[in-house]
Amino acid sequence: QVQLVESGGGLVQPGGSLRLSCAASGTTVFRDYGVGWYRQAPGKQRELVATISSDRSTNYGDSVKGRFTVSRVNNQKMVYLQMNNLNPEDTAVYYCNAKLTRDDYWGQGTQVTVSS
């Protein structure tokens, strides 16, 4: 059973930056997992933010391309999301995800609020 714990959320002004972190535990094959970030705003469906595969190929949601960067450090079992030039539409709960074949794990989420 993989556990994922997010951190780094908070309140930031428009145009600001935040870095989210996700710490994984409970697996010895973290490097084989595809990992990434999703978000859910009030009244909306959960949507893709960014993913990074085991071979480090990345995929981004259209609304964050060029502003967000996903990365991973396998020997530390960590996943990061660097978010720049944030705007109010980025306000959401951000969830860390790890997938490997039929295994699909989620963290509890961290709130990001972009407001002046």
C-alpha atoms as a PDB file:
ATOM      1  CA  GLN A   1       0.000   0.000   0.000  1.00  0.00           C
ATOM      2  CA  VAL A   2       1.480   3.311  -1.097  1.00  0.00           C
ATOM      3  CA  GLN A   3       0.930   6.376   1.061  1.00  0.00           C
ATOM      4  CA  LEU A   4       1.196   9.861  -0.435  1.00  0.00           C
ATOM      5  CA  VAL A   5       1.450  13.023   1.661  1.00  0.00           C
ATOM      6  CA  GLU A   6       1.273  16.450   0.020  1.00  0.00           C
ATOM      7  CA  SER A   7       2.632  19.679   1.441  1.00  0.00           C
ATOM      8  CA  GLY A   8       3.416  23.217   0.349  1.00  0.00           C
ATOM      9  CA  GLY A   9      -0.034  24.603  -0.344  1.00  0.00           C
ATOM     10  CA  GLY A  10      -1.218  27.947   0.935  1.00  0.00           C
ATOM     11  CA  LEU A  11      -2.370  31.430   0.037  1.00  0.00           C
ATOM     12  CA  VAL A  12      -0.482  33.290  -2.674  1.00  0.00           C
ATOM     13  CA  GLN A  13      -1.096  36.494  -4.602  1.00  0.00           C
ATOM     14  CA  PRO A  14      -1.744  36.473  -8.363  1.00  0.00           C
ATOM     15  CA  GLY A  15       1.529  36.251 -10.221  1.00  0.00           C
ATOM     16  CA  GLY A  16       3.210  34.472  -7.336  1.00  0.00           C
ATOM     17  CA  SER A  17       4.799  31.035  -7.057  1.00  0.00           C
ATOM     18  CA  LEU A  18       4.420  27.950  -4.910  1.00  0.00           C
ATOM     19  CA  ARG A  19       6.175  24.596  -4.802  1.00  0.00           C
ATOM     20  CA  LEU A  20       4.155  21.551  -3.845  1.00  0.00           C
ATOM     21  CA  SER A  21       5.810  18.414  -2.519  1.00  0.00           C
ATOM     22  CA  CYS A  22       4.544  14.850  -2.323  1.00  0.00           C
ATOM     23  CA  ALA A  23       6.264  12.261  -0.149  1.00  0.00           C
ATOM     24  CA  ALA A  24       5.637   8.608  -0.990  1.00  0.00           C
ATOM     25  CA  SER A  25       6.098   5.630   1.300  1.00  0.00           C
ATOM     26  CA  GLY A  26       5.130   1.975   1.422  1.00  0.00           C
ATOM     27  CA  THR A  27       6.854   0.849  -1.772  1.00  0.00           C
ATOM     28  CA  THR A  28      10.317  -0.247  -2.837  1.00  0.00           C
ATOM     29  CA  VAL A  29       9.583   0.292  -6.523  1.00  0.00           C
ATOM     30  CA  PHE A  30       8.656   3.981  -6.494  1.00  0.00           C
ATOM     31  CA  ARG A  31      10.768   4.528  -9.598  1.00  0.00           C
ATOM     32  CA  ASP A  32       8.400   2.282 -11.570  1.00  0.00           C
ATOM     33  CA  TYR A  33       5.323   4.359 -10.751  1.00  0.00           C
ATOM     34  CA  GLY A  34       3.896   7.057 -12.947  1.00  0.00           C
ATOM     35  CA  VAL A  35       3.284   9.988 -10.599  1.00  0.00           C
ATOM     36  CA  GLY A  36       1.772  13.402 -10.849  1.00  0.00           C
ATOM     37  CA  TRP A  37      -0.672  16.027  -9.751  1.00  0.00           C
ATOM     38  CA  TYR A  38      -4.383  16.624 -10.237  1.00  0.00           C
ATOM     39  CA  ARG A  39      -6.585  19.374  -8.877  1.00  0.00           C
ATOM     40  CA  GLN A  40     -10.208  19.947  -8.038  1.00  0.00           C
ATOM     41  CA  ALA A  41     -11.827  23.338  -7.688  1.00  0.00           C
ATOM     42  CA  PRO A  42     -15.183  23.805  -5.921  1.00  0.00           C
ATOM     43  CA  GLY A  43     -18.039  22.623  -8.121  1.00  0.00           C
ATOM     44  CA  LYS A  44     -15.705  21.216 -10.770  1.00  0.00           C
ATOM     45  CA  GLN A  45     -14.383  17.790 -11.697  1.00  0.00           C
ATOM     46  CA  ARG A  46     -10.886  16.706 -10.806  1.00  0.00           C
ATOM     47  CA  GLU A  47      -8.528  17.573 -13.659  1.00  0.00           C
ATOM     48  CA  LEU A  48      -5.026  16.734 -14.771  1.00  0.00           C
ATOM     49  CA  VAL A  49      -2.309  19.186 -13.792  1.00  0.00           C
ATOM     50  CA  ALA A  50       0.888  17.310 -14.633  1.00  0.00           C
ATOM     51  CA  THR A  51       2.294  13.806 -14.692  1.00  0.00           C
ATOM     52  CA  ILE A  52       5.768  12.327 -14.977  1.00  0.00           C
ATOM     53  CA  SER A  53       6.308   8.726 -15.962  1.00  0.00           C
ATOM     54  CA  SER A  54       8.930   6.237 -14.860  1.00  0.00           C
ATOM     55  CA  ASP A  55      11.059   7.246 -17.844  1.00  0.00           C
ATOM     56  CA  ARG A  56      10.560  10.940 -16.894  1.00  0.00           C
ATOM     57  CA  SER A  57       8.357  11.852 -19.820  1.00  0.00           C
ATOM     58  CA  THR A  58       5.935  14.583 -18.791  1.00  0.00           C
ATOM     59  CA  ASN A  59       2.381  15.584 -19.618  1.00  0.00           C
ATOM     60  CA  TYR A  60       0.663  18.845 -18.665  1.00  0.00           C
ATOM     61  CA  GLY A  61      -2.858  20.140 -18.635  1.00  0.00           C
ATOM     62  CA  ASP A  62      -3.384  22.847 -21.227  1.00  0.00           C
ATOM     63  CA  SER A  63      -4.116  25.536 -18.645  1.00  0.00           C
ATOM     64  CA  VAL A  64      -0.767  25.104 -16.866  1.00  0.00           C
ATOM     65  CA  LYS A  65       1.630  24.529 -19.768  1.00  0.00           C
ATOM     66  CA  GLY A  66       4.577  26.901 -19.588  1.00  0.00           C
ATOM     67  CA  ARG A  67       3.831  27.867 -15.963  1.00  0.00           C
ATOM     68  CA  PHE A  68       4.070  24.625 -13.985  1.00  0.00           C
ATOM     69  CA  THR A  69       6.872  22.060 -13.857  1.00  0.00           C
ATOM     70  CA  VAL A  70       6.610  18.532 -12.453  1.00  0.00           C
ATOM     71  CA  SER A  71       9.674  16.632 -11.258  1.00  0.00           C
ATOM     72  CA  ARG A  72      10.581  13.566  -9.243  1.00  0.00           C
ATOM     73  CA  VAL A  73      13.484  12.338  -7.118  1.00  0.00           C
ATOM     74  CA  ASN A  74      13.249   8.581  -7.024  1.00  0.00           C
ATOM     75  CA  ASN A  75      15.814   7.833  -4.316  1.00  0.00           C
ATOM     76  CA  GLN A  76      13.920  10.176  -1.985  1.00  0.00           C
ATOM     77  CA  LYS A  77      10.469   8.996  -3.173  1.00  0.00           C
ATOM     78  CA  MET A  78       9.451  12.597  -3.780  1.00  0.00           C
ATOM     79  CA  VAL A  79       7.349  14.347  -6.412  1.00  0.00           C
ATOM     80  CA  TYR A  80       7.341  18.123  -6.858  1.00  0.00           C
ATOM     81  CA  LEU A  81       5.199  20.669  -8.636  1.00  0.00           C
ATOM     82  CA  GLN A  82       6.707  24.093  -9.222  1.00  0.00           C
ATOM     83  CA  MET A  83       3.915  26.565  -9.947  1.00  0.00           C
ATOM     84  CA  ASN A  84       4.755  29.990 -11.343  1.00  0.00           C
ATOM     85  CA  ASN A  85       2.666  32.941 -12.467  1.00  0.00           C
ATOM     86  CA  LEU A  86      -0.315  31.694 -10.512  1.00  0.00           C
ATOM     87  CA  ASN A  87      -3.754  33.125 -11.185  1.00  0.00           C
ATOM     88  CA  PRO A  88      -7.085  32.847  -9.334  1.00  0.00           C
ATOM     89  CA  GLU A  89      -8.217  30.058 -11.696  1.00  0.00           C
ATOM     90  CA  ASP A  90      -5.473  27.881 -10.198  1.00  0.00           C
ATOM     91  CA  THR A  91      -7.286  27.887  -6.848  1.00  0.00           C
ATOM     92  CA  ALA A  92      -8.076  24.268  -6.000  1.00  0.00           C
ATOM     93  CA  VAL A  93      -7.185  21.306  -3.851  1.00  0.00           C
ATOM     94  CA  TYR A  94      -4.121  19.669  -5.393  1.00  0.00           C
ATOM     95  CA  TYR A  95      -3.772  15.904  -5.154  1.00  0.00           C
ATOM     96  CA  CYS A  96      -0.718  13.734  -5.628  1.00  0.00           C
ATOM     97  CA  ASN A  97      -1.235  10.502  -7.571  1.00  0.00           C
ATOM     98  CA  ALA A  98       0.819   7.361  -8.167  1.00  0.00           C
ATOM     99  CA  LYS A  99      -0.100   4.685 -10.711  1.00  0.00           C
ATOM    100  CA  LEU A 100       1.421   1.319 -11.581  1.00  0.00           C
ATOM    101  CA  THR A 101      -0.617  -1.134 -13.688  1.00  0.00           C
ATOM    102  CA  ARG A 102      -3.829  -1.620 -11.656  1.00  0.00           C
ATOM    103  CA  ASP A 103      -2.529   0.207  -8.566  1.00  0.00           C
ATOM    104  CA  ASP A 104      -3.799   3.768  -8.245  1.00  0.00           C
ATOM    105  CA  TYR A 105      -3.077   5.808  -5.115  1.00  0.00           C
ATOM    106  CA  TRP A 106      -4.067   9.302  -4.035  1.00  0.00           C
ATOM    107  CA  GLY A 107      -2.964  11.672  -1.328  1.00  0.00           C
ATOM    108  CA  GLN A 108      -5.301  13.669   0.886  1.00  0.00           C
ATOM    109  CA  GLY A 109      -4.705  16.891  -1.002  1.00  0.00           C
ATOM    110  CA  THR A 110      -3.326  20.333  -0.226  1.00  0.00           C
ATOM    111  CA  GLN A 111      -5.232  23.588  -0.695  1.00  0.00           C
ATOM    112  CA  VAL A 112      -3.855  26.261  -3.010  1.00  0.00           C
ATOM    113  CA  THR A 113      -5.597  29.627  -2.956  1.00  0.00           C
ATOM    114  CA  VAL A 114      -4.617  32.420  -5.325  1.00  0.00           C
ATOM    115  CA  SER A 115      -6.086  35.716  -4.240  1.00  0.00           C
ATOM    116  CA  SER A 116      -5.135  39.307  -3.638  1.00  0.00           C
END
